[in-house]
N, C-alpha and C. Protein backbone atom coordinates (compact mmCIF):
# COMPACT_ATOMS: atom_id res chain seq x y z
N MET A 1 276.21 138.04 -21.15
CA MET A 1 275.35 136.96 -21.66
C MET A 1 276.03 135.59 -21.44
N GLU A 2 277.39 135.59 -21.64
CA GLU A 2 278.09 134.34 -21.45
C GLU A 2 278.13 133.87 -20.02
N GLU A 3 278.20 134.90 -19.04
CA GLU A 3 278.20 134.55 -17.60
C GLU A 3 276.82 133.99 -17.27
N HIS A 4 275.76 134.61 -17.77
CA HIS A 4 274.40 134.20 -17.54
C HIS A 4 274.16 132.79 -17.96
N SER A 5 274.71 132.43 -19.16
CA SER A 5 274.46 131.09 -19.70
C SER A 5 275.26 130.04 -18.84
N ASP A 6 276.40 130.39 -18.27
CA ASP A 6 277.18 129.50 -17.40
C ASP A 6 276.40 129.24 -16.16
N ILE A 7 275.79 130.19 -15.62
CA ILE A 7 274.93 130.08 -14.32
C ILE A 7 273.78 129.24 -14.61
N GLN A 8 273.07 129.46 -15.76
CA GLN A 8 271.88 128.63 -16.06
C GLN A 8 272.33 127.14 -16.28
N ARG A 9 273.46 126.94 -16.91
CA ARG A 9 273.97 125.60 -17.13
C ARG A 9 274.26 124.84 -15.84
N HIS A 10 274.83 125.59 -14.86
CA HIS A 10 275.18 125.08 -13.53
C HIS A 10 273.92 124.71 -12.77
N MET A 11 272.89 125.65 -12.86
CA MET A 11 271.64 125.38 -12.12
C MET A 11 270.87 124.19 -12.70
N SER A 12 270.89 124.06 -13.98
CA SER A 12 270.22 122.90 -14.62
C SER A 12 270.91 121.62 -14.29
N ALA A 13 272.24 121.66 -14.13
CA ALA A 13 272.98 120.43 -13.72
C ALA A 13 272.61 120.03 -12.34
N ASN A 14 272.46 120.98 -11.38
CA ASN A 14 272.08 120.65 -10.07
C ASN A 14 270.67 120.12 -9.97
N GLN A 15 269.80 120.70 -10.73
CA GLN A 15 268.41 120.19 -10.78
C GLN A 15 268.32 118.78 -11.31
N SER A 16 269.18 118.51 -12.30
CA SER A 16 269.22 117.20 -12.86
C SER A 16 269.69 116.15 -11.78
N ARG A 17 270.76 116.52 -11.03
CA ARG A 17 271.28 115.68 -10.00
C ARG A 17 270.29 115.44 -8.87
N ASP A 18 269.53 116.49 -8.47
CA ASP A 18 268.48 116.34 -7.42
C ASP A 18 267.38 115.42 -7.87
N ALA A 19 267.09 115.51 -9.20
CA ALA A 19 266.00 114.68 -9.73
C ALA A 19 266.42 113.17 -9.68
N ASN A 20 267.72 112.95 -10.00
CA ASN A 20 268.19 111.61 -9.96
C ASN A 20 268.22 111.01 -8.50
N ILE A 21 268.58 111.85 -7.58
CA ILE A 21 268.53 111.42 -6.15
C ILE A 21 267.08 111.08 -5.74
N ASN A 22 266.12 111.90 -6.14
CA ASN A 22 264.78 111.66 -5.79
C ASN A 22 264.26 110.29 -6.37
N LYS A 23 264.68 110.07 -7.65
CA LYS A 23 264.32 108.79 -8.27
C LYS A 23 264.89 107.60 -7.51
N VAL A 24 266.13 107.72 -7.11
CA VAL A 24 266.81 106.61 -6.31
C VAL A 24 266.01 106.40 -5.03
N GLY A 25 265.68 107.51 -4.33
CA GLY A 25 264.89 107.51 -3.15
C GLY A 25 263.60 106.77 -3.25
N LYS A 26 262.84 107.11 -4.28
CA LYS A 26 261.59 106.44 -4.54
C LYS A 26 261.78 105.03 -4.87
N SER A 27 262.78 104.68 -5.61
CA SER A 27 263.05 103.28 -5.95
C SER A 27 263.32 102.40 -4.73
N VAL A 28 264.09 102.96 -3.83
CA VAL A 28 264.41 102.29 -2.55
C VAL A 28 263.21 102.15 -1.67
N GLU A 29 262.44 103.17 -1.64
CA GLU A 29 261.17 103.11 -0.77
C GLU A 29 260.24 102.07 -1.37
N GLY A 30 260.20 101.99 -2.65
CA GLY A 30 259.29 101.01 -3.28
C GLY A 30 259.69 99.56 -2.90
N LYS A 31 261.03 99.36 -2.97
CA LYS A 31 261.52 98.05 -2.61
C LYS A 31 261.24 97.69 -1.12
N LEU A 32 261.36 98.70 -0.30
CA LEU A 32 261.10 98.46 1.13
C LEU A 32 259.62 98.16 1.37
N GLU A 33 258.75 98.76 0.64
CA GLU A 33 257.31 98.41 0.70
C GLU A 33 257.04 97.04 0.31
N GLU A 34 257.76 96.51 -0.76
CA GLU A 34 257.57 95.18 -1.20
C GLU A 34 258.04 94.13 -0.17
N SER A 35 259.12 94.51 0.56
CA SER A 35 259.62 93.57 1.52
C SER A 35 258.95 93.57 2.88
N GLY A 36 257.96 94.63 2.99
CA GLY A 36 257.18 94.70 4.28
C GLY A 36 257.67 95.74 5.16
N LEU A 37 258.62 96.62 4.80
CA LEU A 37 259.12 97.75 5.62
C LEU A 37 258.74 99.03 5.01
N VAL A 38 258.09 99.91 5.80
CA VAL A 38 257.74 101.24 5.27
C VAL A 38 258.21 102.22 6.35
N LYS A 39 259.17 103.05 5.88
CA LYS A 39 259.70 104.20 6.78
C LYS A 39 260.14 103.62 8.10
N GLY A 40 260.87 102.52 8.06
CA GLY A 40 261.47 101.91 9.26
C GLY A 40 260.51 101.12 10.14
N SER A 41 259.27 100.99 9.77
CA SER A 41 258.39 100.13 10.65
C SER A 41 258.04 98.86 9.84
N GLU A 42 257.82 97.78 10.54
CA GLU A 42 257.60 96.53 9.92
C GLU A 42 256.10 96.28 9.83
N HIS A 43 255.62 95.79 8.64
CA HIS A 43 254.22 95.45 8.49
C HIS A 43 254.00 94.18 9.34
N LYS A 44 252.97 94.23 10.17
CA LYS A 44 252.62 93.07 10.98
C LYS A 44 251.74 92.17 10.19
N SER A 45 252.29 90.99 9.86
CA SER A 45 251.58 90.03 9.10
C SER A 45 251.47 88.77 9.85
N GLY A 46 250.56 87.86 9.48
CA GLY A 46 250.47 86.59 10.20
C GLY A 46 249.40 86.61 11.26
N SER A 47 249.23 85.52 11.94
CA SER A 47 248.14 85.43 12.90
C SER A 47 248.45 86.20 14.22
N SER A 48 247.45 86.46 15.00
CA SER A 48 247.61 87.15 16.26
C SER A 48 248.39 86.30 17.23
N GLU A 49 248.38 85.01 17.12
CA GLU A 49 249.19 84.05 17.95
C GLU A 49 250.70 84.27 17.71
N ASP A 50 251.08 84.43 16.40
CA ASP A 50 252.53 84.72 16.12
C ASP A 50 252.91 86.01 16.75
N SER A 51 252.03 87.01 16.66
CA SER A 51 252.35 88.31 17.22
C SER A 51 252.55 88.27 18.67
N SER A 52 251.70 87.52 19.41
CA SER A 52 251.83 87.46 20.87
C SER A 52 253.07 86.69 21.27
N ILE A 53 253.46 85.60 20.46
CA ILE A 53 254.68 84.88 20.76
C ILE A 53 255.89 85.81 20.69
N ARG A 54 255.87 86.61 19.55
CA ARG A 54 257.05 87.55 19.30
C ARG A 54 257.09 88.55 20.43
N GLU A 55 255.97 89.05 20.93
CA GLU A 55 255.97 90.01 22.04
C GLU A 55 256.55 89.42 23.31
N GLU A 56 256.17 88.18 23.58
CA GLU A 56 256.66 87.52 24.82
C GLU A 56 258.19 87.37 24.74
N SER A 57 258.66 86.96 23.59
CA SER A 57 260.07 86.72 23.45
C SER A 57 260.84 87.99 23.54
N GLU A 58 260.31 89.10 23.13
CA GLU A 58 260.93 90.42 23.22
C GLU A 58 260.99 90.85 24.71
N LYS A 59 259.96 90.47 25.45
CA LYS A 59 260.00 90.78 26.91
C LYS A 59 261.07 90.02 27.61
N ASP A 60 261.30 88.78 27.21
CA ASP A 60 262.26 87.90 27.91
C ASP A 60 263.69 88.29 27.60
N GLU A 61 263.92 88.99 26.49
CA GLU A 61 265.23 89.30 26.07
C GLU A 61 265.83 90.35 26.95
N VAL A 62 267.07 90.19 27.38
CA VAL A 62 267.86 91.23 28.25
C VAL A 62 268.47 92.19 27.32
N PRO A 63 268.29 93.51 27.49
CA PRO A 63 268.97 94.48 26.70
C PRO A 63 270.46 94.37 26.69
N ARG A 64 271.00 94.49 25.54
CA ARG A 64 272.46 94.35 25.35
C ARG A 64 273.23 95.31 26.26
N ASN A 65 272.71 96.54 26.30
CA ASN A 65 273.38 97.63 26.98
C ASN A 65 272.96 97.74 28.48
N GLY A 66 272.12 96.78 28.93
CA GLY A 66 271.60 96.84 30.29
C GLY A 66 272.58 96.33 31.29
N THR A 67 272.28 96.50 32.58
CA THR A 67 273.13 96.02 33.67
C THR A 67 272.39 94.97 34.50
N SER A 68 272.99 93.84 34.69
CA SER A 68 272.41 92.73 35.48
C SER A 68 273.02 92.63 36.87
N PHE A 69 272.24 92.36 37.81
CA PHE A 69 272.71 92.26 39.21
C PHE A 69 272.42 90.82 39.75
N TYR A 70 273.41 90.27 40.50
CA TYR A 70 273.29 88.92 40.98
C TYR A 70 273.54 88.95 42.48
N LYS A 71 272.75 88.17 43.21
CA LYS A 71 272.98 88.05 44.66
C LYS A 71 273.60 86.66 44.89
N LEU A 72 274.83 86.66 45.48
CA LEU A 72 275.52 85.43 45.80
C LEU A 72 275.34 85.01 47.29
N GLU A 73 275.09 83.74 47.43
CA GLU A 73 274.89 83.19 48.75
C GLU A 73 276.03 82.24 49.06
N MET A 74 276.64 82.43 50.30
CA MET A 74 277.76 81.60 50.69
C MET A 74 277.23 80.30 51.23
N ILE A 75 277.78 79.16 50.77
CA ILE A 75 277.33 77.80 51.24
C ILE A 75 278.48 77.13 51.92
N LYS A 76 279.74 77.56 51.68
CA LYS A 76 280.93 76.97 52.32
C LYS A 76 282.03 77.92 52.27
N ILE A 77 282.80 77.96 53.37
CA ILE A 77 283.93 78.83 53.50
C ILE A 77 285.15 78.04 53.94
N GLN A 78 286.24 78.19 53.28
CA GLN A 78 287.50 77.56 53.58
C GLN A 78 288.65 78.58 53.77
N LEU A 79 289.21 78.60 54.90
CA LEU A 79 290.26 79.55 55.32
C LEU A 79 291.62 78.99 55.06
N ILE A 80 292.43 79.54 54.23
CA ILE A 80 293.73 79.10 54.00
C ILE A 80 294.77 80.14 54.47
N SER A 81 295.60 79.78 55.45
CA SER A 81 296.45 80.75 56.04
C SER A 81 297.69 80.93 55.15
N ALA A 82 298.52 81.94 55.52
CA ALA A 82 299.73 82.27 54.74
C ALA A 82 300.72 81.10 54.71
N HIS A 83 300.63 80.21 55.67
CA HIS A 83 301.52 79.05 55.76
C HIS A 83 300.85 77.75 55.16
N GLY A 84 299.74 77.90 54.56
CA GLY A 84 299.10 76.75 53.85
C GLY A 84 298.18 75.92 54.73
N HIS A 85 297.91 76.38 55.93
CA HIS A 85 296.99 75.60 56.81
C HIS A 85 295.56 75.88 56.32
N GLN A 86 294.73 74.82 56.18
CA GLN A 86 293.36 74.92 55.65
C GLN A 86 292.45 74.58 56.80
N THR A 87 291.44 75.48 56.97
CA THR A 87 290.46 75.27 58.00
C THR A 87 289.05 75.63 57.39
N MET A 88 288.08 74.73 57.68
CA MET A 88 286.71 74.99 57.29
C MET A 88 285.99 75.91 58.25
N VAL A 89 285.31 76.86 57.84
CA VAL A 89 284.60 77.82 58.70
C VAL A 89 283.15 77.68 58.39
N GLU A 90 282.33 77.55 59.52
CA GLU A 90 280.89 77.45 59.32
C GLU A 90 280.33 78.77 58.90
N VAL A 91 279.41 78.75 57.92
CA VAL A 91 278.80 79.99 57.36
C VAL A 91 278.08 80.76 58.51
N GLU A 92 277.41 80.04 59.36
CA GLU A 92 276.70 80.66 60.45
C GLU A 92 277.64 81.38 61.43
N ASP A 93 278.80 80.78 61.72
CA ASP A 93 279.73 81.42 62.59
C ASP A 93 280.35 82.66 61.92
N PHE A 94 280.56 82.56 60.64
CA PHE A 94 281.11 83.73 59.90
C PHE A 94 280.12 84.92 59.89
N MET A 95 278.86 84.64 59.72
CA MET A 95 277.86 85.71 59.72
C MET A 95 277.74 86.37 61.11
N LYS A 96 277.94 85.58 62.20
CA LYS A 96 277.82 86.07 63.50
C LYS A 96 279.08 86.81 64.00
N ALA A 97 280.17 86.52 63.35
CA ALA A 97 281.55 87.04 63.77
C ALA A 97 281.61 88.60 63.76
N LYS A 98 282.41 89.14 64.59
CA LYS A 98 282.66 90.52 64.66
C LYS A 98 284.17 90.79 64.55
N PRO A 99 284.59 91.99 64.12
CA PRO A 99 286.01 92.29 64.02
C PRO A 99 286.80 92.05 65.36
N ASP A 100 288.00 91.57 65.24
CA ASP A 100 288.77 91.26 66.45
C ASP A 100 289.03 92.64 67.18
N ALA A 101 289.01 92.53 68.48
CA ALA A 101 289.10 93.79 69.25
C ALA A 101 290.44 94.53 69.08
N ILE A 102 291.51 93.76 68.71
CA ILE A 102 292.81 94.38 68.61
C ILE A 102 293.32 94.33 67.14
N ALA A 103 292.43 94.13 66.23
CA ALA A 103 292.77 94.04 64.84
C ALA A 103 293.62 95.15 64.32
N LEU A 104 293.34 96.39 64.78
CA LEU A 104 294.03 97.54 64.34
C LEU A 104 295.33 97.80 65.08
N SER A 105 295.55 97.09 66.24
CA SER A 105 296.67 97.33 67.02
C SER A 105 297.70 96.16 66.88
N ALA A 106 297.29 95.05 66.33
CA ALA A 106 298.12 93.83 66.28
C ALA A 106 299.49 94.17 65.62
N ALA A 107 299.46 94.81 64.48
CA ALA A 107 300.71 95.06 63.75
C ALA A 107 301.68 95.98 64.56
N ARG A 108 301.23 96.85 65.29
CA ARG A 108 302.08 97.74 66.17
C ARG A 108 302.71 96.92 67.24
N ILE A 109 301.92 96.10 67.90
CA ILE A 109 302.42 95.27 68.99
C ILE A 109 303.43 94.28 68.52
N ILE A 110 303.21 93.66 67.40
CA ILE A 110 304.17 92.76 66.83
C ILE A 110 305.47 93.49 66.45
N SER A 111 305.34 94.71 65.95
CA SER A 111 306.58 95.46 65.63
C SER A 111 307.34 95.73 66.91
N LEU A 112 306.74 96.05 67.99
CA LEU A 112 307.38 96.33 69.23
C LEU A 112 308.12 95.05 69.76
N MET A 113 307.50 93.86 69.59
CA MET A 113 308.08 92.66 70.04
C MET A 113 309.37 92.34 69.19
N LYS A 114 309.24 92.56 67.88
CA LYS A 114 310.42 92.32 67.03
C LYS A 114 311.56 93.26 67.35
N ALA A 115 311.22 94.48 67.75
CA ALA A 115 312.23 95.52 68.08
C ALA A 115 312.87 95.24 69.41
N GLY A 116 312.35 94.30 70.20
CA GLY A 116 312.83 94.07 71.49
C GLY A 116 314.16 93.34 71.49
N GLY A 117 314.55 92.78 70.29
CA GLY A 117 315.90 92.23 70.24
C GLY A 117 316.04 90.84 70.88
N GLU A 118 317.23 90.58 71.38
CA GLU A 118 317.56 89.36 71.96
C GLU A 118 316.76 89.00 73.25
N LYS A 119 316.48 89.98 74.01
CA LYS A 119 315.65 89.79 75.23
C LYS A 119 314.39 89.15 74.97
N ILE A 120 313.65 89.66 73.91
CA ILE A 120 312.39 89.12 73.60
C ILE A 120 312.54 87.65 72.94
N THR A 121 313.57 87.54 72.10
CA THR A 121 313.82 86.19 71.54
C THR A 121 313.97 85.14 72.61
N ARG A 122 314.82 85.46 73.68
CA ARG A 122 315.04 84.55 74.75
C ARG A 122 313.75 84.19 75.46
N ALA A 123 312.89 85.21 75.65
CA ALA A 123 311.63 84.95 76.33
C ALA A 123 310.70 84.06 75.49
N PHE A 124 310.77 84.20 74.19
CA PHE A 124 309.96 83.31 73.31
C PHE A 124 310.48 81.89 73.42
N LYS A 125 311.82 81.71 73.42
CA LYS A 125 312.36 80.39 73.52
C LYS A 125 312.03 79.73 74.87
N SER A 126 312.09 80.50 75.91
CA SER A 126 311.77 79.98 77.27
C SER A 126 310.27 79.58 77.30
N LEU A 127 309.43 80.40 76.66
CA LEU A 127 307.98 80.13 76.68
C LEU A 127 307.72 78.79 75.97
N CYS A 128 308.40 78.58 74.86
CA CYS A 128 308.23 77.32 74.13
C CYS A 128 308.61 76.12 75.00
N TRP A 129 309.70 76.29 75.78
CA TRP A 129 310.05 75.17 76.67
C TRP A 129 309.15 75.00 77.81
N ARG A 130 308.71 76.00 78.43
CA ARG A 130 307.87 76.00 79.62
C ARG A 130 306.44 75.48 79.26
N CYS A 131 305.86 75.94 78.12
CA CYS A 131 304.47 75.59 77.82
C CYS A 131 304.31 74.50 76.80
N LYS A 132 305.31 74.24 75.99
CA LYS A 132 305.20 73.22 74.94
C LYS A 132 306.23 72.05 75.10
N GLY A 133 307.22 72.29 75.96
CA GLY A 133 308.21 71.23 76.12
C GLY A 133 309.12 71.15 74.92
N ILE A 134 309.22 72.16 74.08
CA ILE A 134 310.01 72.14 72.90
C ILE A 134 311.19 73.15 73.01
N GLN A 135 312.38 72.64 72.76
CA GLN A 135 313.61 73.50 72.77
C GLN A 135 313.84 74.01 71.38
N VAL A 136 313.87 75.25 71.23
CA VAL A 136 313.95 75.83 69.81
C VAL A 136 315.19 76.72 69.74
N GLU A 137 315.74 76.86 68.55
CA GLU A 137 316.89 77.72 68.31
C GLU A 137 316.43 79.09 67.83
N GLU A 138 315.37 79.16 67.14
CA GLU A 138 314.84 80.44 66.71
C GLU A 138 313.32 80.56 66.96
N ALA A 139 312.89 81.81 67.28
CA ALA A 139 311.45 82.01 67.49
C ALA A 139 311.12 83.41 67.24
N ALA A 140 309.97 83.61 66.46
CA ALA A 140 309.57 84.93 66.15
C ALA A 140 308.08 84.99 66.15
N ILE A 141 307.49 86.02 66.61
CA ILE A 141 306.05 86.22 66.61
C ILE A 141 305.62 86.62 65.18
N ILE A 142 304.51 85.93 64.67
CA ILE A 142 304.09 86.24 63.36
C ILE A 142 302.61 86.64 63.32
N ASP A 143 301.92 86.40 64.40
CA ASP A 143 300.45 86.78 64.39
C ASP A 143 300.01 87.02 65.84
N LEU A 144 299.00 87.89 65.95
CA LEU A 144 298.47 88.22 67.24
C LEU A 144 297.03 88.63 67.13
N ASP A 145 296.21 88.15 68.03
CA ASP A 145 294.79 88.54 68.10
C ASP A 145 294.34 88.55 69.56
N SER A 146 293.03 88.77 69.74
CA SER A 146 292.55 88.91 71.07
C SER A 146 292.51 87.68 71.90
N LEU A 147 292.78 86.52 71.25
CA LEU A 147 292.78 85.21 71.96
C LEU A 147 294.18 84.72 72.30
N GLY A 148 295.14 85.20 71.56
CA GLY A 148 296.53 84.76 71.76
C GLY A 148 297.44 85.14 70.65
N PHE A 149 298.57 84.38 70.48
CA PHE A 149 299.49 84.81 69.45
C PHE A 149 300.18 83.51 68.89
N ASP A 150 300.74 83.66 67.66
CA ASP A 150 301.45 82.60 67.01
C ASP A 150 302.95 82.87 66.95
N LEU A 151 303.75 81.85 67.22
CA LEU A 151 305.18 81.88 67.05
C LEU A 151 305.66 81.00 65.87
N ARG A 152 306.51 81.53 65.11
CA ARG A 152 307.17 80.65 64.09
C ARG A 152 308.49 80.26 64.65
N VAL A 153 308.69 78.90 64.89
CA VAL A 153 309.94 78.41 65.53
C VAL A 153 310.69 77.46 64.68
N CYS A 154 311.94 77.39 65.01
CA CYS A 154 312.82 76.45 64.31
C CYS A 154 313.48 75.56 65.36
N SER A 155 313.29 74.24 65.28
CA SER A 155 313.84 73.28 66.19
C SER A 155 314.57 72.21 65.33
N GLY A 156 315.93 72.29 65.34
CA GLY A 156 316.70 71.42 64.53
C GLY A 156 316.39 71.70 63.00
N THR A 157 315.95 70.66 62.34
CA THR A 157 315.59 70.86 60.91
C THR A 157 314.07 71.07 60.76
N GLN A 158 313.38 71.11 61.80
CA GLN A 158 311.88 71.25 61.78
C GLN A 158 311.51 72.68 62.02
N ILE A 159 310.59 73.22 61.11
CA ILE A 159 310.08 74.60 61.27
C ILE A 159 308.52 74.41 61.43
N GLN A 160 307.98 75.07 62.44
CA GLN A 160 306.57 74.88 62.74
C GLN A 160 306.00 76.16 63.41
N THR A 161 304.67 76.23 63.42
CA THR A 161 304.02 77.35 64.08
C THR A 161 303.36 76.87 65.36
N LEU A 162 303.60 77.58 66.45
CA LEU A 162 303.04 77.21 67.81
C LEU A 162 302.06 78.35 68.19
N ARG A 163 300.98 77.88 68.75
CA ARG A 163 299.92 78.80 69.21
C ARG A 163 299.98 78.86 70.73
N PHE A 164 299.87 80.09 71.25
CA PHE A 164 299.88 80.34 72.68
C PHE A 164 298.63 81.20 72.95
N ALA A 165 297.81 80.67 73.87
CA ALA A 165 296.56 81.42 74.19
C ALA A 165 296.73 82.31 75.44
N PHE A 166 295.93 83.32 75.42
CA PHE A 166 295.89 84.23 76.62
C PHE A 166 294.97 83.55 77.64
N ASN A 167 295.07 84.02 78.88
CA ASN A 167 294.25 83.48 80.00
C ASN A 167 292.82 83.93 79.77
N SER A 168 292.59 85.10 79.20
CA SER A 168 291.26 85.61 78.92
C SER A 168 291.30 86.39 77.65
N GLN A 169 290.20 86.62 77.01
CA GLN A 169 290.14 87.34 75.74
C GLN A 169 290.49 88.79 75.96
N ALA A 170 291.42 89.26 75.13
CA ALA A 170 291.81 90.71 75.34
C ALA A 170 290.78 91.60 74.70
N THR A 171 290.39 92.59 75.43
CA THR A 171 289.39 93.55 74.98
C THR A 171 289.96 94.90 74.43
N SER A 172 291.22 95.06 74.63
CA SER A 172 291.88 96.27 74.19
C SER A 172 293.33 96.05 73.89
N GLU A 173 293.98 97.02 73.38
CA GLU A 173 295.44 96.95 73.07
C GLU A 173 296.22 96.79 74.38
N TYR A 174 295.86 97.51 75.38
CA TYR A 174 296.53 97.46 76.69
C TYR A 174 296.43 96.04 77.27
N SER A 175 295.18 95.50 77.18
CA SER A 175 294.95 94.10 77.75
C SER A 175 295.78 93.06 77.02
N ALA A 176 295.93 93.16 75.68
CA ALA A 176 296.76 92.26 74.93
C ALA A 176 298.27 92.42 75.31
N GLU A 177 298.72 93.65 75.41
CA GLU A 177 300.09 93.84 75.76
C GLU A 177 300.43 93.24 77.19
N ARG A 178 299.48 93.46 78.08
CA ARG A 178 299.73 93.03 79.50
C ARG A 178 299.75 91.52 79.56
N GLN A 179 298.77 90.82 78.86
CA GLN A 179 298.84 89.39 78.94
C GLN A 179 300.09 88.77 78.14
N LEU A 180 300.46 89.46 77.10
CA LEU A 180 301.63 89.00 76.40
C LEU A 180 302.87 89.07 77.30
N ASN A 181 302.96 90.14 78.04
CA ASN A 181 304.09 90.34 78.96
C ASN A 181 304.07 89.28 80.09
N ASP A 182 302.81 89.02 80.57
CA ASP A 182 302.67 88.00 81.65
C ASP A 182 303.13 86.67 81.22
N LEU A 183 302.91 86.31 79.89
CA LEU A 183 303.36 85.00 79.43
C LEU A 183 304.87 84.98 79.19
N LEU A 184 305.44 86.08 78.73
CA LEU A 184 306.87 86.09 78.45
C LEU A 184 307.74 86.25 79.70
N PHE A 185 307.24 87.01 80.63
CA PHE A 185 308.07 87.35 81.82
C PHE A 185 307.29 86.98 83.10
N PRO A 186 306.95 85.74 83.32
CA PRO A 186 306.09 85.38 84.49
C PRO A 186 306.77 85.64 85.80
N ARG A 187 308.07 85.42 85.92
CA ARG A 187 308.84 85.59 87.14
C ARG A 187 308.83 87.07 87.59
N ILE A 188 309.10 87.95 86.60
CA ILE A 188 309.18 89.37 86.87
C ILE A 188 307.80 89.84 87.34
N GLN A 189 306.80 89.37 86.72
CA GLN A 189 305.47 89.80 87.02
C GLN A 189 305.04 89.30 88.47
N SER A 190 305.46 88.06 88.77
CA SER A 190 305.07 87.56 90.14
C SER A 190 305.87 88.31 91.19
N ARG A 191 307.15 88.63 90.87
CA ARG A 191 307.98 89.45 91.84
C ARG A 191 307.36 90.80 92.08
N LEU A 192 306.92 91.48 91.03
CA LEU A 192 306.29 92.72 91.19
C LEU A 192 305.02 92.68 92.00
N LEU A 193 304.27 91.54 91.76
CA LEU A 193 303.00 91.44 92.46
C LEU A 193 303.32 91.15 93.94
N LYS A 194 304.35 90.41 94.28
CA LYS A 194 304.68 90.08 95.63
C LYS A 194 305.10 91.41 96.38
N LYS A 195 305.97 92.17 95.70
CA LYS A 195 306.44 93.46 96.28
C LYS A 195 305.24 94.39 96.55
N LYS A 196 304.24 94.35 95.63
CA LYS A 196 303.08 95.26 95.80
C LYS A 196 302.33 94.80 97.01
N ARG A 197 302.10 93.46 97.15
CA ARG A 197 301.35 92.98 98.29
C ARG A 197 302.06 93.27 99.57
N THR A 198 303.37 93.10 99.60
CA THR A 198 304.21 93.31 100.80
C THR A 198 304.09 94.78 101.21
N HIS A 199 304.16 95.66 100.23
CA HIS A 199 304.05 97.08 100.46
C HIS A 199 302.67 97.44 101.07
N GLN A 200 301.60 96.85 100.54
CA GLN A 200 300.30 97.07 101.06
C GLN A 200 300.13 96.57 102.54
N ASN A 201 300.74 95.40 102.82
CA ASN A 201 300.61 94.84 104.15
C ASN A 201 301.34 95.69 105.24
N ASP A 202 302.51 96.29 104.80
CA ASP A 202 303.24 97.14 105.70
C ASP A 202 302.44 98.40 106.12
N HIS A 203 301.58 98.80 105.24
CA HIS A 203 300.77 100.00 105.62
C HIS A 203 299.51 99.58 106.27
């Protein structure tokens, strides 16, 4: 009998607690009804004009969790080289431009030139004197493309970059290497050409 009375006491305590929870819930629901909210929905009050204005503003709002995309249009391009030279590039020319023919081979050719040692350095110095009339103490190739190459030279206390153009635009890695060698070693190339012509005439 004592166990039974303990169980009944526990059950009655739970029922009393549930009843209190229900009272609190009804009280909160009543307050929500007074403020215009019933079960999470808002009572629509006011004129139809206010309602339409509210709907339009909701349409114009961008969702906080949404993604926005923007299309950017180029209006001006300024190219700044590694040495600080600034050049304006026309947008139309940029849009029509295509990748350089030897863009993927330039680094390899420059590495070969630098690995050539003193022989290549003397050829660069001679080129500066023959084509630019400048006597330099140091010269090193720093850039190469299908139209020519750039040398970084030191003359006395002055350091500058000199541009040397190919006779024609290189269309391949082989074409760029051949024209580079023609500029660096013109006498050797002319001698080989003369020997070739002489050999052909003998036959």
